[in-house]
C-alpha atoms as a PDB file:
ATOM      1  CA  MET A   1     -19.279  26.082 -57.221  1.00  0.00           C
ATOM      2  CA  SER A   2     -19.111  23.249 -54.723  1.00  0.00           C
ATOM      3  CA  LEU A   3     -16.159  21.020 -53.974  1.00  0.00           C
ATOM      4  CA  ARG A   4     -18.447  18.184 -52.891  1.00  0.00           C
ATOM      5  CA  ALA A   5     -18.882  15.159 -55.097  1.00  0.00           C
ATOM      6  CA  PRO A   6     -22.250  14.868 -56.900  1.00  0.00           C
ATOM      7  CA  LEU A   7     -23.050  11.632 -55.060  1.00  0.00           C
ATOM      8  CA  GLY A   8     -22.287  13.317 -51.757  1.00  0.00           C
ATOM      9  CA  ARG A   9     -24.689  16.148 -52.580  1.00  0.00           C
ATOM     10  CA  VAL A  10     -27.456  13.726 -53.504  1.00  0.00           C
ATOM     11  CA  LEU A  11     -27.030  11.574 -50.400  1.00  0.00           C
ATOM     12  CA  GLY A  12     -26.529  14.564 -48.125  1.00  0.00           C
ATOM     13  CA  LEU A  13     -23.164  13.285 -46.976  1.00  0.00           C
ATOM     14  CA  GLY A  14     -20.756  15.787 -45.568  1.00  0.00           C
ATOM     15  CA  THR A  15     -18.858  16.775 -42.517  1.00  0.00           C
ATOM     16  CA  ALA A  16     -19.964  15.564 -39.106  1.00  0.00           C
ATOM     17  CA  LYS A  17     -19.245  19.101 -37.796  1.00  0.00           C
ATOM     18  CA  ASP A  18     -17.474  17.661 -34.744  1.00  0.00           C
ATOM     19  CA  GLY A  19     -13.864  18.156 -35.783  1.00  0.00           C
ATOM     20  CA  THR A  20     -13.929  21.939 -35.466  1.00  0.00           C
ATOM     21  CA  ASP A  21     -14.906  21.837 -31.788  1.00  0.00           C
ATOM     22  CA  HIS A  22     -12.205  19.266 -31.126  1.00  0.00           C
ATOM     23  CA  TRP A  23      -9.610  21.323 -32.983  1.00  0.00           C
ATOM     24  CA  TRP A  24     -10.529  24.502 -31.081  1.00  0.00           C
ATOM     25  CA  GLY A  25     -10.540  22.612 -27.788  1.00  0.00           C
ATOM     26  CA  GLN A  26      -6.988  21.443 -28.381  1.00  0.00           C
ATOM     27  CA  ARG A  27      -5.777  24.906 -29.391  1.00  0.00           C
ATOM     28  CA  VAL A  28      -7.431  26.773 -26.516  1.00  0.00           C
ATOM     29  CA  SER A  29      -6.342  24.215 -23.921  1.00  0.00           C
ATOM     30  CA  GLY A  30      -2.829  24.323 -25.401  1.00  0.00           C
ATOM     31  CA  ILE A  31      -2.672  28.101 -25.002  1.00  0.00           C
ATOM     32  CA  ALA A  32      -3.993  27.796 -21.437  1.00  0.00           C
ATOM     33  CA  LEU A  33      -1.324  25.167 -20.710  1.00  0.00           C
ATOM     34  CA  VAL A  34       1.417  27.476 -21.981  1.00  0.00           C
ATOM     35  CA  ILE A  35       0.233  30.321 -19.747  1.00  0.00           C
ATOM     36  CA  LEU A  36      -0.336  28.134 -16.680  1.00  0.00           C
ATOM     37  CA  GLY A  37       2.881  26.215 -17.316  1.00  0.00           C
ATOM     38  CA  LEU A  38       4.891  29.439 -17.464  1.00  0.00           C
ATOM     39  CA  TRP A  39       3.285  30.562 -14.193  1.00  0.00           C
ATOM     40  CA  PHE A  40       4.177  27.243 -12.574  1.00  0.00           C
ATOM     41  CA  VAL A  41       7.785  27.204 -13.804  1.00  0.00           C
ATOM     42  CA  VAL A  42       8.354  30.816 -12.730  1.00  0.00           C
ATOM     43  CA  SER A  43       6.819  30.072  -9.322  1.00  0.00           C
ATOM     44  CA  ILE A  44       9.059  27.048  -8.810  1.00  0.00           C
ATOM     45  CA  VAL A  45      12.188  28.906  -9.955  1.00  0.00           C
ATOM     46  CA  LEU A  46      11.448  31.846  -7.647  1.00  0.00           C
ATOM     47  CA  SER A  47      10.672  29.570  -4.697  1.00  0.00           C
ATOM     48  CA  PRO A  48      13.269  29.787  -1.923  1.00  0.00           C
ATOM     49  CA  SER A  49      13.449  25.984  -1.717  1.00  0.00           C
ATOM     50  CA  LEU A  50      11.529  22.875  -2.601  1.00  0.00           C
ATOM     51  CA  ALA A  51      11.263  21.671   0.976  1.00  0.00           C
ATOM     52  CA  HIS A  52       7.985  20.048   1.939  1.00  0.00           C
ATOM     53  CA  ASP A  53       6.803  22.849   4.228  1.00  0.00           C
ATOM     54  CA  VAL A  54       7.588  25.520   1.605  1.00  0.00           C
ATOM     55  CA  VAL A  55       5.664  23.637  -1.091  1.00  0.00           C
ATOM     56  CA  VAL A  56       2.694  23.052   1.232  1.00  0.00           C
ATOM     57  CA  GLU A  57       2.672  26.775   2.069  1.00  0.00           C
ATOM     58  CA  PHE A  58       2.829  27.592  -1.666  1.00  0.00           C
ATOM     59  CA  ILE A  59      -0.146  25.337  -2.433  1.00  0.00           C
ATOM     60  CA  GLY A  60      -1.983  26.680   0.611  1.00  0.00           C
ATOM     61  CA  ARG A  61      -2.241  30.160  -0.877  1.00  0.00           C
ATOM     62  CA  PRO A  62      -5.687  30.504  -2.497  1.00  0.00           C
ATOM     63  CA  LEU A  63      -4.506  31.920  -5.835  1.00  0.00           C
ATOM     64  CA  ASN A  64      -1.827  29.264  -6.198  1.00  0.00           C
ATOM     65  CA  SER A  65      -4.194  26.414  -5.381  1.00  0.00           C
ATOM     66  CA  VAL A  66      -6.735  27.659  -7.921  1.00  0.00           C
ATOM     67  CA  LEU A  67      -4.099  28.081 -10.643  1.00  0.00           C
ATOM     68  CA  LEU A  68      -2.552  24.703  -9.854  1.00  0.00           C
ATOM     69  CA  SER A  69      -5.990  23.064 -10.046  1.00  0.00           C
ATOM     70  CA  LEU A  70      -6.617  24.764 -13.395  1.00  0.00           C
ATOM     71  CA  LEU A  71      -3.244  23.521 -14.614  1.00  0.00           C
ATOM     72  CA  CYS A  72      -4.062  19.922 -13.652  1.00  0.00           C
ATOM     73  CA  LEU A  73      -7.588  20.027 -15.093  1.00  0.00           C
ATOM     74  CA  THR A  74      -6.436  21.655 -18.337  1.00  0.00           C
ATOM     75  CA  ALA A  75      -3.594  19.171 -18.723  1.00  0.00           C
ATOM     76  CA  ALA A  76      -5.986  16.250 -18.223  1.00  0.00           C
ATOM     77  CA  TYR A  77      -8.457  17.684 -20.773  1.00  0.00           C
ATOM     78  CA  HIS A  78      -5.747  18.429 -23.340  1.00  0.00           C
ATOM     79  CA  SER A  79      -4.258  14.965 -22.861  1.00  0.00           C
ATOM     80  CA  TYR A  80      -7.673  13.360 -23.272  1.00  0.00           C
ATOM     81  CA  LEU A  81      -8.248  15.154 -26.573  1.00  0.00           C
ATOM     82  CA  GLY A  82      -4.856  14.067 -27.878  1.00  0.00           C
ATOM     83  CA  VAL A  83      -5.236  10.438 -26.808  1.00  0.00           C
ATOM     84  CA  GLN A  84      -8.732  10.355 -28.310  1.00  0.00           C
ATOM     85  CA  VAL A  85      -7.358  11.363 -31.717  1.00  0.00           C
ATOM     86  CA  VAL A  86      -4.624   8.722 -31.528  1.00  0.00           C
ATOM     87  CA  ILE A  87      -7.135   6.000 -30.613  1.00  0.00           C
ATOM     88  CA  GLU A  88      -9.567   7.049 -33.351  1.00  0.00           C
ATOM     89  CA  ASP A  89      -6.795   7.115 -35.950  1.00  0.00           C
ATOM     90  CA  TYR A  90      -4.843   3.969 -35.065  1.00  0.00           C
ATOM     91  CA  VAL A  91      -7.228   1.506 -33.398  1.00  0.00           C
ATOM     92  CA  HIS A  92      -9.160  -0.075 -36.240  1.00  0.00           C
ATOM     93  CA  ALA A  93     -11.256  -2.788 -34.571  1.00  0.00           C
ATOM     94  CA  HIS A  94     -14.582  -1.214 -33.608  1.00  0.00           C
ATOM     95  CA  GLY A  95     -14.909  -2.983 -30.248  1.00  0.00           C
ATOM     96  CA  SER A  96     -11.330  -2.231 -29.236  1.00  0.00           C
ATOM     97  CA  LYS A  97     -11.767   1.386 -30.248  1.00  0.00           C
ATOM     98  CA  ILE A  98     -14.876   1.830 -28.079  1.00  0.00           C
ATOM     99  CA  VAL A  99     -13.268   0.110 -25.074  1.00  0.00           C
ATOM    100  CA  SER A 100     -10.087   2.165 -25.483  1.00  0.00           C
ATOM    101  CA  LEU A 101     -12.022   5.431 -25.678  1.00  0.00           C
ATOM    102  CA  ILE A 102     -14.038   4.567 -22.571  1.00  0.00           C
ATOM    103  CA  LEU A 103     -10.929   3.532 -20.602  1.00  0.00           C
ATOM    104  CA  SER A 104      -9.136   6.679 -21.720  1.00  0.00           C
ATOM    105  CA  ARG A 105     -12.005   8.871 -20.551  1.00  0.00           C
ATOM    106  CA  PHE A 106     -12.193   7.124 -17.172  1.00  0.00           C
ATOM    107  CA  ALA A 107      -8.417   7.376 -16.705  1.00  0.00           C
ATOM    108  CA  HIS A 108      -8.328  11.092 -17.536  1.00  0.00           C
ATOM    109  CA  VAL A 109     -11.295  11.898 -15.304  1.00  0.00           C
ATOM    110  CA  PHE A 110      -9.685   9.880 -12.495  1.00  0.00           C
ATOM    111  CA  VAL A 111      -6.405  11.800 -12.814  1.00  0.00           C
ATOM    112  CA  ALA A 112      -8.237  15.148 -12.897  1.00  0.00           C
ATOM    113  CA  VAL A 113     -10.343  14.334  -9.831  1.00  0.00           C
ATOM    114  CA  ILE A 114      -7.461  12.910  -7.797  1.00  0.00           C
ATOM    115  CA  SER A 115      -5.145  15.829  -8.574  1.00  0.00           C
ATOM    116  CA  THR A 116      -7.834  18.388  -7.714  1.00  0.00           C
ATOM    117  CA  TYR A 117      -8.658  16.520  -4.504  1.00  0.00           C
ATOM    118  CA  ALA A 118      -4.983  16.471  -3.476  1.00  0.00           C
ATOM    119  CA  ILE A 119      -4.568  20.182  -4.149  1.00  0.00           C
ATOM    120  CA  LEU A 120      -7.731  21.040  -2.224  1.00  0.00           C
ATOM    121  CA  ARG A 121      -6.742  18.814   0.662  1.00  0.00           C
ATOM    122  CA  ILE A 122      -3.310  20.437   0.933  1.00  0.00           C
ATOM    123  CA  GLY A 123      -4.734  23.896   0.303  1.00  0.00           C
ATOM    124  CA  LEU A 124      -7.368  23.577   3.008  1.00  0.00           C
ATOM    125  CA  GLY A 125      -4.862  22.178   5.476  1.00  0.00           C
ATOM    126  CA  ALA A 126      -6.683  18.908   6.011  1.00  0.00           C
END
């Protein structure tokens, strides 16, 4: 027994099989954000102060710089997936939708690259 319409079976119409990857990407990145976010909040709460030199020393530790970079990259990816869904659902003009998706991708990649660059620059002491 199939739940597909007879016309859909004849024409071979069905799922694009892209939604599952997107759904899993959002869930996995969300779980990673919870774990990395908890690490970050606990690290900030346990920090002796938020003075500039203390924060630079915190970022300068290799484990912290790697985890902070993962947090920034995961947040950018998760945000991109969410914004993509909003654009696909609520922007109806085809041209505007394509331009919005391209601008969103560029903006998210820019934020990810700049944040990683800043963390590496501080972490390496440059």
